[in-house]
Protein backbone atom coordinates (compact mmCIF):
# COMPACT_ATOMS: atom_id res chain seq x y z
CA MET A 1 24.75 -32.22 -65.90
CA ALA A 2 21.25 -32.21 -67.82
CA LYS A 3 20.94 -30.07 -70.58
CA ALA A 4 18.01 -27.77 -71.33
CA ALA A 5 15.34 -29.63 -73.42
CA GLY A 6 16.28 -29.49 -77.07
CA ILE A 7 19.29 -27.34 -76.85
CA THR A 8 22.20 -28.14 -79.27
CA LYS A 9 25.63 -26.62 -78.56
CA GLY A 10 26.46 -24.06 -81.05
CA LYS A 11 23.07 -23.63 -82.64
CA PRO A 12 20.58 -20.62 -82.01
CA ALA A 13 17.91 -21.41 -79.41
CA PHE A 14 14.67 -19.65 -78.08
CA ALA A 15 14.39 -18.37 -74.68
CA CYS A 16 11.53 -16.69 -72.58
CA SER A 17 12.31 -13.11 -71.66
CA GLU A 18 10.48 -13.53 -68.35
CA CYS A 19 11.65 -16.77 -66.85
CA GLY A 20 14.65 -17.73 -69.05
CA TRP A 21 12.99 -21.18 -70.06
CA THR A 22 14.81 -22.23 -73.27
CA SER A 23 13.63 -24.45 -76.23
CA ALA A 24 15.11 -25.55 -79.62
CA ARG A 25 12.15 -24.31 -81.57
CA TRP A 26 9.95 -21.07 -81.41
CA ILE A 27 6.60 -21.51 -79.46
CA GLY A 28 3.95 -18.81 -78.74
CA ARG A 29 3.67 -19.80 -74.95
CA CYS A 30 6.38 -20.39 -72.53
CA GLY A 31 6.45 -23.97 -71.27
CA GLU A 32 7.57 -22.81 -67.96
CA CYS A 33 5.86 -19.67 -66.77
CA GLN A 34 2.93 -20.05 -69.37
CA ALA A 35 3.41 -16.38 -70.64
CA TRP A 36 2.31 -15.70 -74.25
CA GLY A 37 4.52 -13.87 -76.82
CA THR A 38 7.73 -13.98 -74.51
CA VAL A 39 9.85 -16.60 -76.41
CA ALA A 40 12.33 -15.03 -78.84
CA GLU A 41 15.43 -16.26 -80.59
CA VAL A 42 18.87 -16.01 -78.77
CA GLY A 43 22.31 -17.01 -79.58
CA ALA A 44 23.77 -20.16 -78.06
CA PRO A 45 25.30 -19.53 -74.75
CA LYS A 46 29.15 -18.98 -74.58
CA ALA A 47 31.38 -19.58 -71.87
CA ALA A 48 32.92 -16.38 -70.65
CA ARG A 49 36.13 -15.94 -68.38
CA ILE A 50 35.50 -13.56 -65.48
CA THR A 51 38.49 -11.59 -64.17
CA ALA A 52 38.51 -9.70 -60.92
CA GLY A 53 37.60 -6.11 -61.01
CA PRO A 54 37.22 -3.10 -58.70
CA VAL A 55 34.83 -3.36 -55.70
CA SER A 56 32.64 -0.75 -54.43
CA SER A 57 33.39 -1.14 -50.88
CA PRO A 58 35.50 -3.80 -49.05
CA ALA A 59 33.70 -6.59 -47.14
CA MET A 60 33.58 -6.50 -43.48
CA PRO A 61 32.09 -8.43 -40.72
CA ILE A 62 28.33 -8.26 -40.64
CA ALA A 63 28.29 -7.00 -37.10
CA LYS A 64 30.33 -3.97 -38.05
CA VAL A 65 28.17 -2.95 -40.94
CA SER A 66 26.00 0.38 -39.96
CA ALA A 67 22.31 -0.21 -40.01
CA ILE A 68 21.51 3.53 -39.56
CA GLU A 69 21.03 3.94 -43.31
CA ALA A 70 18.32 1.33 -43.39
CA GLU A 71 16.27 2.75 -40.64
CA SER A 72 12.74 3.34 -41.75
CA ARG A 73 11.14 6.84 -41.88
CA PRO A 74 7.38 7.14 -41.16
CA THR A 75 5.33 8.38 -44.14
CA GLY A 76 2.75 10.21 -41.82
CA ILE A 77 0.12 7.62 -42.93
CA GLY A 78 -0.27 5.26 -39.93
CA GLU A 79 -2.01 2.58 -41.97
CA LEU A 80 0.65 2.51 -44.67
CA ASP A 81 3.32 2.58 -42.10
CA ARG A 82 1.71 -0.54 -40.62
CA VAL A 83 1.81 -2.42 -43.86
CA LEU A 84 5.60 -1.32 -44.55
CA GLY A 85 6.68 -2.36 -41.15
CA GLY A 86 7.25 1.22 -39.61
CA GLY A 87 7.82 3.37 -42.73
CA VAL A 88 9.96 3.74 -45.79
CA VAL A 89 13.60 2.78 -45.79
CA PRO A 90 15.87 4.97 -47.77
CA GLY A 91 17.04 3.29 -50.97
CA ALA A 92 14.08 0.91 -50.92
CA VAL A 93 11.97 0.26 -54.16
CA ILE A 94 8.17 -0.16 -53.58
CA LEU A 95 5.79 -1.35 -56.17
CA LEU A 96 2.14 -0.47 -55.72
CA ALA A 97 -0.19 -2.34 -58.01
CA GLY A 98 -4.07 -2.01 -58.23
CA GLU A 99 -6.86 -2.14 -60.76
CA PRO A 100 -7.66 1.32 -62.79
CA GLY A 101 -9.58 3.77 -60.75
CA VAL A 102 -9.02 2.15 -57.34
CA GLY A 103 -7.13 5.18 -55.98
CA LYS A 104 -3.40 4.43 -56.69
CA SER A 105 -2.44 7.93 -57.70
CA THR A 106 -4.62 9.52 -54.99
CA LEU A 107 -3.04 7.55 -52.41
CA LEU A 108 0.73 8.23 -53.50
CA LEU A 109 -0.15 11.92 -53.98
CA GLU A 110 -1.19 12.05 -50.29
CA VAL A 111 1.93 10.03 -49.30
CA ALA A 112 4.08 12.41 -51.27
CA ALA A 113 2.48 15.46 -49.71
CA GLN A 114 3.02 13.94 -46.14
CA SER A 115 6.59 13.30 -46.87
CA ALA A 116 7.10 16.76 -48.10
CA ARG A 117 5.41 18.07 -45.00
CA ARG A 118 7.93 16.28 -42.87
CA GLY A 119 10.72 18.28 -44.37
CA GLN A 120 11.72 15.52 -47.13
CA ARG A 121 12.13 16.84 -50.63
CA THR A 122 9.73 14.86 -52.80
CA LEU A 123 9.45 14.22 -56.64
CA TYR A 124 6.19 13.24 -58.04
CA VAL A 125 6.72 12.13 -61.93
CA SER A 126 3.48 11.45 -63.75
CA GLY A 127 3.51 9.65 -66.97
CA GLU A 128 -0.16 9.29 -67.46
CA GLU A 129 -1.31 12.66 -66.44
CA SER A 130 -0.21 16.34 -67.36
CA ALA A 131 1.36 18.52 -64.60
CA ALA A 132 -1.75 20.70 -64.64
CA GLN A 133 -4.09 17.64 -64.15
CA VAL A 134 -2.17 16.42 -61.20
CA ARG A 135 -2.18 19.85 -59.74
CA LEU A 136 -5.90 19.97 -59.75
CA ARG A 137 -6.23 16.84 -57.78
CA ALA A 138 -3.48 18.05 -55.32
CA GLY A 139 -5.69 21.12 -54.76
CA ARG A 140 -8.69 19.06 -54.13
CA THR A 141 -6.94 16.75 -51.68
CA ASP A 142 -4.90 19.52 -50.00
CA ALA A 143 -1.58 18.34 -51.16
CA LEU A 144 0.03 21.72 -52.00
CA VAL A 145 3.30 21.65 -50.16
CA ASP A 146 6.37 23.55 -50.93
CA GLU A 147 8.82 20.61 -50.73
CA LEU A 148 6.58 18.57 -53.09
CA TYR A 149 7.93 18.83 -56.70
CA LEU A 150 5.82 17.67 -59.72
CA ALA A 151 6.94 16.70 -63.21
CA ALA A 152 5.31 15.03 -66.16
CA GLU A 153 7.58 12.67 -68.06
CA THR A 154 7.66 9.58 -70.00
CA ASP A 155 11.36 9.27 -70.95
CA LEU A 156 13.63 7.68 -68.22
CA SER A 157 16.43 9.96 -69.24
CA ALA A 158 14.33 12.96 -68.58
CA VAL A 159 13.32 11.57 -65.21
CA VAL A 160 16.98 11.03 -64.33
CA GLY A 161 17.53 14.70 -65.16
CA GLN A 162 14.72 15.83 -62.98
CA VAL A 163 16.14 13.68 -60.07
CA ASP A 164 19.47 15.59 -60.64
CA ALA A 165 17.78 18.85 -60.55
CA VAL A 166 15.60 18.48 -57.60
CA GLU A 167 17.65 16.05 -55.64
CA PRO A 168 14.78 14.43 -53.92
CA SER A 169 14.92 11.93 -50.90
CA PHE A 170 11.49 10.41 -51.92
CA LEU A 171 10.43 9.65 -55.56
CA VAL A 172 7.19 8.49 -56.88
CA ILE A 173 6.87 7.01 -60.56
CA ASP A 174 3.28 7.02 -61.80
CA SER A 175 3.39 4.47 -63.72
CA VAL A 176 6.31 2.33 -64.55
CA GLN A 177 4.46 0.97 -67.52
CA THR A 178 4.50 4.44 -69.07
CA MET A 179 8.15 4.89 -68.69
CA ALA A 180 10.59 4.37 -71.75
CA HIS A 181 14.38 3.49 -71.78
CA PRO A 182 15.90 5.44 -74.55
CA GLU A 183 18.50 2.79 -75.25
CA VAL A 184 16.00 -0.12 -75.27
CA GLU A 185 13.79 -1.26 -78.18
CA GLY A 186 10.15 -1.72 -77.83
CA ALA A 187 7.07 0.08 -76.84
CA PRO A 188 6.54 1.29 -73.30
CA GLY A 189 4.83 -1.20 -71.19
CA GLY A 190 6.35 -3.97 -73.00
CA VAL A 191 8.36 -6.70 -71.32
CA THR A 192 11.70 -5.68 -72.14
CA GLN A 193 11.07 -1.98 -71.47
CA VAL A 194 9.50 -2.61 -68.01
CA ARG A 195 12.33 -4.80 -66.99
CA GLU A 196 15.04 -2.37 -68.02
CA VAL A 197 13.25 0.75 -66.56
CA THR A 198 12.65 -0.91 -63.28
CA GLY A 199 16.18 -2.19 -63.11
CA ALA A 200 17.55 1.35 -63.98
CA LEU A 201 15.20 2.87 -61.16
CA VAL A 202 16.48 0.18 -58.69
CA ARG A 203 20.05 1.07 -59.39
CA LEU A 204 19.15 4.63 -59.09
CA ALA A 205 17.47 4.23 -55.67
CA LYS A 206 20.52 2.20 -54.30
CA GLU A 207 23.21 4.58 -55.51
CA ARG A 208 21.73 7.65 -54.14
CA HIS A 209 19.72 6.30 -51.36
CA ILE A 210 16.37 7.66 -52.65
CA ALA A 211 13.16 5.92 -51.66
CA VAL A 212 11.27 5.06 -54.87
CA VAL A 213 7.62 4.10 -55.12
CA LEU A 214 6.43 2.68 -58.45
CA VAL A 215 2.82 2.43 -59.54
CA GLY A 216 2.14 -0.83 -61.46
CA HIS A 217 -0.91 -1.83 -63.59
CA VAL A 218 -2.56 -5.23 -63.36
CA THR A 219 -3.94 -7.57 -65.91
CA LYS A 220 -7.64 -8.48 -66.14
CA ASP A 221 -6.70 -11.71 -64.06
CA GLY A 222 -5.35 -9.34 -61.15
CA ALA A 223 -1.54 -10.04 -61.82
CA ILE A 224 0.77 -7.38 -61.87
CA ALA A 225 1.37 -6.43 -65.68
CA GLY A 226 4.91 -7.17 -67.17
CA PRO A 227 7.53 -9.63 -66.46
CA ARG A 228 7.51 -11.70 -63.22
CA MET A 229 10.92 -10.47 -62.71
CA LEU A 230 9.39 -7.19 -61.97
CA GLU A 231 8.55 -8.41 -58.46
CA HIS A 232 11.78 -9.87 -57.70
CA LEU A 233 13.70 -6.59 -58.62
CA VAL A 234 11.87 -4.45 -56.12
CA ASP A 235 12.01 -4.56 -52.34
CA VAL A 236 8.37 -4.25 -51.44
CA VAL A 237 5.19 -5.41 -53.46
CA LEU A 238 1.90 -3.84 -52.32
CA ALA A 239 -1.45 -4.68 -53.66
CA PHE A 240 -4.18 -1.88 -53.46
CA ASP A 241 -7.68 -3.35 -53.88
CA GLY A 242 -11.29 -2.67 -53.14
CA ASP A 243 -14.72 -2.76 -54.45
CA ARG A 244 -15.52 -0.24 -57.11
CA HIS A 245 -19.05 0.31 -55.72
CA SER A 246 -17.53 1.03 -51.95
CA GLY A 247 -15.27 3.59 -50.77
CA PHE A 248 -13.30 0.91 -48.50
CA ARG A 249 -9.76 0.20 -49.89
CA MET A 250 -7.22 -2.26 -48.65
CA VAL A 251 -3.46 -2.29 -48.91
CA ARG A 252 -1.64 -5.73 -48.59
CA ALA A 253 1.84 -6.50 -48.52
CA THR A 254 2.72 -9.51 -50.70
CA LYS A 255 6.47 -8.97 -50.28
CA ASN A 256 8.34 -7.05 -47.90
CA ARG A 257 12.24 -7.18 -47.15
CA PHE A 258 11.92 -4.70 -44.32
CA GLY A 259 8.98 -5.92 -42.42
CA PRO A 260 6.00 -8.43 -42.26
CA SER A 261 4.31 -9.68 -45.49
CA ASP A 262 0.97 -10.32 -44.01
CA GLU A 263 -0.18 -6.87 -42.83
CA VAL A 264 -3.07 -4.94 -43.98
CA GLY A 265 -3.86 -1.22 -44.01
CA CYS A 266 -7.36 0.11 -44.43
CA PHE A 267 -8.41 3.43 -46.10
CA ASP A 268 -11.72 5.03 -47.24
CA MET A 269 -12.20 6.95 -50.26
CA VAL A 270 -14.00 10.26 -49.99
CA ASP A 271 -14.74 13.42 -51.74
CA THR A 272 -11.54 15.15 -50.58
CA GLY A 273 -9.26 12.15 -51.45
CA ILE A 274 -8.17 9.15 -49.35
CA VAL A 275 -8.28 8.98 -45.53
CA GLU A 276 -6.83 5.99 -43.30
CA VAL A 277 -9.45 4.10 -41.21
CA THR A 278 -7.69 2.96 -38.01
CA ASP A 279 -10.80 0.94 -36.78
CA PRO A 280 -12.61 -0.40 -39.95
CA THR A 281 -14.99 -2.65 -37.97
CA GLY A 282 -17.81 -0.13 -37.96
CA LEU A 283 -17.81 -0.47 -41.94
CA PHE A 284 -18.70 -4.12 -41.86
CA VAL A 285 -21.12 -4.27 -38.92
CA SER A 286 -24.46 -2.67 -39.20
CA GLU A 287 -26.28 -0.93 -36.48
CA HIS A 288 -29.95 -2.02 -35.73
CA ALA A 289 -32.26 -0.24 -33.30
CA GLU A 290 -33.85 -3.64 -32.43
CA PRO A 291 -32.50 -7.21 -33.06
CA VAL A 292 -33.12 -8.49 -36.66
CA ALA A 293 -33.60 -11.99 -37.62
CA GLY A 294 -31.08 -13.33 -40.15
CA THR A 295 -27.91 -11.75 -38.89
CA CYS A 296 -24.83 -12.85 -37.19
CA VAL A 297 -21.51 -11.28 -36.58
CA THR A 298 -18.11 -13.20 -37.05
CA VAL A 299 -14.57 -12.26 -36.66
CA MET A 300 -12.19 -12.72 -39.93
CA MET A 301 -8.61 -12.05 -40.06
CA GLU A 302 -6.95 -10.04 -42.89
CA GLY A 303 -3.18 -10.64 -42.36
CA ARG A 304 -2.69 -10.45 -38.69
CA ARG A 305 -5.40 -7.88 -38.09
CA PRO A 306 -8.62 -9.24 -36.81
CA LEU A 307 -11.83 -7.60 -38.33
CA LEU A 308 -15.56 -7.96 -37.49
CA ALA A 309 -17.81 -8.68 -40.25
CA GLU A 310 -21.52 -9.29 -40.12
CA VAL A 311 -23.21 -11.98 -42.22
CA GLN A 312 -27.06 -11.39 -43.28
CA ALA A 313 -29.26 -14.01 -44.58
CA LEU A 314 -32.80 -13.87 -46.22
CA VAL A 315 -34.64 -17.02 -46.53
CA GLY A 316 -38.23 -17.18 -48.26
CA PRO A 317 -40.45 -19.55 -50.26
CA SER A 318 -40.09 -20.10 -53.84
CA ALA A 319 -42.31 -21.19 -56.68
CA ALA A 320 -39.57 -22.22 -58.88
CA PRO A 321 -38.41 -25.75 -59.41
CA GLN A 322 -34.71 -24.80 -58.51
CA PRO A 323 -34.83 -22.11 -55.79
CA ARG A 324 -32.29 -19.36 -56.22
CA ARG A 325 -29.08 -19.37 -54.22
CA THR A 326 -27.44 -16.01 -54.26
CA THR A 327 -24.17 -14.87 -52.24
CA SER A 328 -22.36 -11.67 -51.92
CA GLY A 329 -18.91 -11.33 -50.37
CA LEU A 330 -18.72 -15.08 -49.48
CA GLU A 331 -17.66 -18.12 -51.46
CA SER A 332 -20.77 -19.58 -53.18
CA SER A 333 -19.63 -23.26 -52.84
CA ARG A 334 -18.96 -22.83 -49.00
CA VAL A 335 -22.39 -21.34 -48.60
CA SER A 336 -23.99 -24.13 -50.53
CA MET A 337 -22.16 -26.79 -48.43
CA VAL A 338 -23.50 -25.04 -45.11
CA LEU A 339 -27.02 -25.15 -46.61
CA ALA A 340 -26.69 -28.90 -47.21
CA VAL A 341 -25.37 -29.52 -43.77
CA LEU A 342 -28.24 -27.59 -42.27
CA GLY A 343 -30.60 -29.81 -44.25
CA ASN A 344 -29.11 -33.08 -43.59
CA ARG A 345 -27.47 -32.88 -40.07
CA VAL A 346 -30.00 -30.43 -38.50
CA GLY A 347 -33.25 -31.14 -40.29
CA LEU A 348 -33.69 -27.64 -41.70
CA LYS A 349 -35.44 -28.08 -44.96
CA LEU A 350 -34.35 -25.52 -47.58
CA THR A 351 -35.11 -27.39 -50.88
CA ASP A 352 -38.27 -25.20 -51.55
CA GLN A 353 -36.77 -22.07 -50.14
CA GLU A 354 -34.74 -19.18 -51.90
CA VAL A 355 -31.72 -18.15 -49.70
CA TYR A 356 -29.69 -14.94 -50.16
CA VAL A 357 -26.57 -14.63 -48.10
CA ALA A 358 -24.39 -11.35 -48.03
CA THR A 359 -21.84 -9.60 -46.00
CA VAL A 360 -22.20 -5.93 -44.87
CA GLY A 361 -20.12 -3.13 -46.49
CA GLY A 362 -18.83 -5.07 -49.35
CA VAL A 363 -16.28 -6.90 -47.52
CA LYS A 364 -15.03 -10.24 -48.83
CA ILE A 365 -14.59 -13.13 -46.44
CA GLY A 366 -12.35 -15.83 -47.99
CA GLU A 367 -11.71 -17.95 -45.05
CA PRO A 368 -14.03 -20.74 -43.63
CA VAL A 369 -14.37 -18.97 -40.18
CA ALA A 370 -17.67 -17.44 -41.39
CA ASP A 371 -19.32 -20.96 -41.94
CA LEU A 372 -20.76 -20.97 -38.31
CA SER A 373 -22.06 -17.29 -38.63
CA VAL A 374 -23.68 -18.23 -42.09
CA ALA A 375 -25.46 -21.39 -40.47
CA ILE A 376 -26.83 -19.28 -37.54
CA ALA A 377 -27.96 -16.44 -39.83
CA VAL A 378 -29.76 -18.62 -42.27
CA ALA A 379 -31.37 -20.58 -39.08
CA SER A 380 -32.38 -17.31 -37.67
CA SER A 381 -34.04 -16.14 -40.96
CA VAL A 382 -35.77 -19.44 -41.51
CA MET A 383 -37.21 -19.29 -37.84
CA ASP A 384 -37.81 -15.60 -37.88
CA ARG A 385 -36.22 -15.38 -34.48
CA PRO A 386 -33.27 -12.93 -34.01
CA ILE A 387 -30.15 -13.85 -31.98
CA HIS A 388 -28.61 -12.14 -29.03
CA PRO A 389 -27.23 -8.74 -30.34
CA GLY A 390 -23.90 -9.27 -28.34
CA LEU A 391 -23.35 -12.73 -29.90
CA ILE A 392 -20.44 -13.51 -32.26
CA ALA A 393 -19.93 -16.99 -34.09
CA ILE A 394 -16.35 -18.29 -34.94
CA GLY A 395 -15.87 -21.65 -36.57
CA GLU A 396 -15.75 -23.79 -39.58
CA VAL A 397 -18.56 -26.31 -40.41
CA GLY A 398 -17.64 -29.72 -41.67
CA LEU A 399 -19.60 -31.97 -43.78
CA ALA A 400 -20.48 -34.24 -40.78
CA GLY A 401 -21.80 -31.26 -38.94
CA GLU A 402 -18.99 -30.77 -36.60
CA VAL A 403 -17.54 -27.13 -35.87
CA ARG A 404 -13.82 -27.24 -36.52
CA ARG A 405 -11.10 -25.20 -35.07
CA VAL A 406 -9.76 -22.03 -36.58
CA GLY A 407 -6.53 -20.11 -36.15
CA GLY A 408 -5.94 -17.03 -34.24
CA LEU A 409 -8.97 -17.46 -31.94
CA GLU A 410 -7.47 -15.59 -29.05
CA LYS A 411 -6.92 -12.40 -31.39
CA ARG A 412 -10.56 -12.77 -32.78
CA LEU A 413 -12.13 -12.94 -29.17
CA ALA A 414 -9.95 -10.13 -28.01
CA GLU A 415 -11.19 -7.85 -30.84
CA ALA A 416 -14.82 -8.84 -30.15
CA ALA A 417 -14.42 -8.18 -26.34
CA ARG A 418 -12.86 -4.87 -27.03
CA LEU A 419 -15.89 -3.81 -29.21
CA GLY A 420 -18.34 -4.66 -26.49
CA PHE A 421 -19.71 -8.12 -27.51
CA THR A 422 -20.57 -10.36 -24.51
CA LYS A 423 -21.30 -13.93 -26.08
CA ALA A 424 -19.27 -16.18 -28.41
CA ILE A 425 -19.75 -19.54 -29.96
CA VAL A 426 -16.46 -21.24 -30.71
CA PRO A 427 -15.26 -24.73 -31.59
CA ALA A 428 -15.17 -27.23 -28.66
CA ASP A 429 -11.45 -28.18 -29.33
CA VAL A 430 -9.56 -24.91 -29.22
CA PRO A 431 -5.72 -25.00 -29.45
CA ASN A 432 -3.54 -22.82 -27.21
CA ARG A 433 0.08 -23.33 -27.88
CA GLY A 434 -0.29 -27.09 -27.68
CA LYS A 435 -2.90 -26.99 -24.88
CA ASP A 436 -6.69 -26.94 -25.14
CA LEU A 437 -8.00 -23.43 -24.07
CA LYS A 438 -11.07 -24.08 -21.86
CA PRO A 439 -14.22 -21.90 -22.27
CA MET A 440 -13.86 -20.88 -18.75
CA ASP A 441 -10.29 -19.76 -19.35
CA MET A 442 -11.56 -17.70 -22.32
CA GLN A 443 -14.32 -16.16 -20.20
CA ALA A 444 -12.06 -15.13 -17.39
CA LYS A 445 -9.58 -13.55 -19.90
CA TYR A 446 -11.66 -11.77 -22.36
CA GLY A 447 -14.94 -11.27 -20.18
CA LEU A 448 -16.99 -13.04 -22.74
CA ARG A 449 -19.48 -15.90 -22.03
CA VAL A 450 -17.96 -18.53 -24.37
CA PHE A 451 -20.08 -21.59 -25.69
CA ALA A 452 -17.93 -24.46 -26.77
CA ALA A 453 -19.91 -26.12 -29.55
CA PRO A 454 -18.60 -29.42 -30.89
CA ASP A 455 -21.29 -29.65 -33.74
CA LEU A 456 -23.62 -27.46 -35.51
CA PRO A 457 -26.86 -28.56 -33.58
CA SER A 458 -24.98 -27.63 -30.30
CA ALA A 459 -24.27 -24.23 -31.91
CA LEU A 460 -27.67 -23.36 -32.79
CA LEU A 461 -28.86 -24.38 -29.38
CA ALA A 462 -26.29 -21.86 -27.86
CA ALA A 463 -27.67 -19.16 -30.27
CA GLY A 464 -31.15 -19.84 -28.95
CA LEU A 465 -32.44 -21.11 -32.24
CA THR A 466 -33.65 -24.73 -31.33
């Protein structure tokens, strides 16, 4: 059996507190997880004999195990239930992480209030604000409910005391980085403290069947602060993000032991708190009294949820030797590639033109499905010719000018048809469970006039731009 690099039996070694990687000498950065300052000296491992001990409950056939205790309970917020897979499971530990000011505390205070309104005794423990400060926010968001209890604690033993006194079925800890374990050395928020505090709360949740939600901080890189083991300890990991200059927020499940891990919930920050957005398409598509040149709508996928998004382009002459290329909500590299394809495969010269491409509502499109809509919007702006207002464009554009297939086309077309769009430009080779889905089939199924475009010139022709 291969030994860990540099470890000599009987001699002290160094190990990473996050991933367990070992080394014969101290280094500042872990060679496995690349974390800084996590390698510390430990004693050489000793072989220990394990003897049989008492069991909590005897093992039984899996079919005879009751699943009633693991049934989810709705939170009262449909968008959050959508992400969680139906609601919160008793004994589950949920980690909600997001940037400062994105609205984590506001969302969880609303969740706690809704849980209390449904008759579940709820305890909200704040380690970052005083009880009076949370009370002010609760009054503004109409979260004053009799079954909602509030405490301000930073000591884990005090939190357990509050749980013993209140006996809640739903517990919110805001945040886990502010809690300190009294028997563990280190400052709150440190790797050791966060790991031990989370482990203790997980055991508390499992033993007493209390649903626990932990608020987690993120680093400047967007990763959850603390050891990587934190995400392994909890049952559900939710990412709460959004543009600081926009009220739109999204909750994404990156780990979910009780439901799908690719669902997305949509919310909107308003003066009175946070409200769920069941149909967010209107936030990403602008309303025009008359058709405007330089716009095109596409359908992106957020998890398993199709959302319409409008791409806008503005092209104008430039006196600079290097015309400006500016993007917002789109990957600049893909926009540059589409512009190059327009110039070389279509003959649309943009070398002396400034090009600005952006999405509506601050939405970010990370998938290549927006390539075709970008190309049509740019061509529409150059020709100063608006496209049909009921047209959507779905497809990836290759360097050879071909329009490539994208996943989930049927869901995208169904969403566009539901919102009243009448025309669609799609790739010519559309897969449908191993068979090509013909344009006539899609037209009969969704009520859309579907144009199958094998390449970019054909797509521009279908859009009426050539």
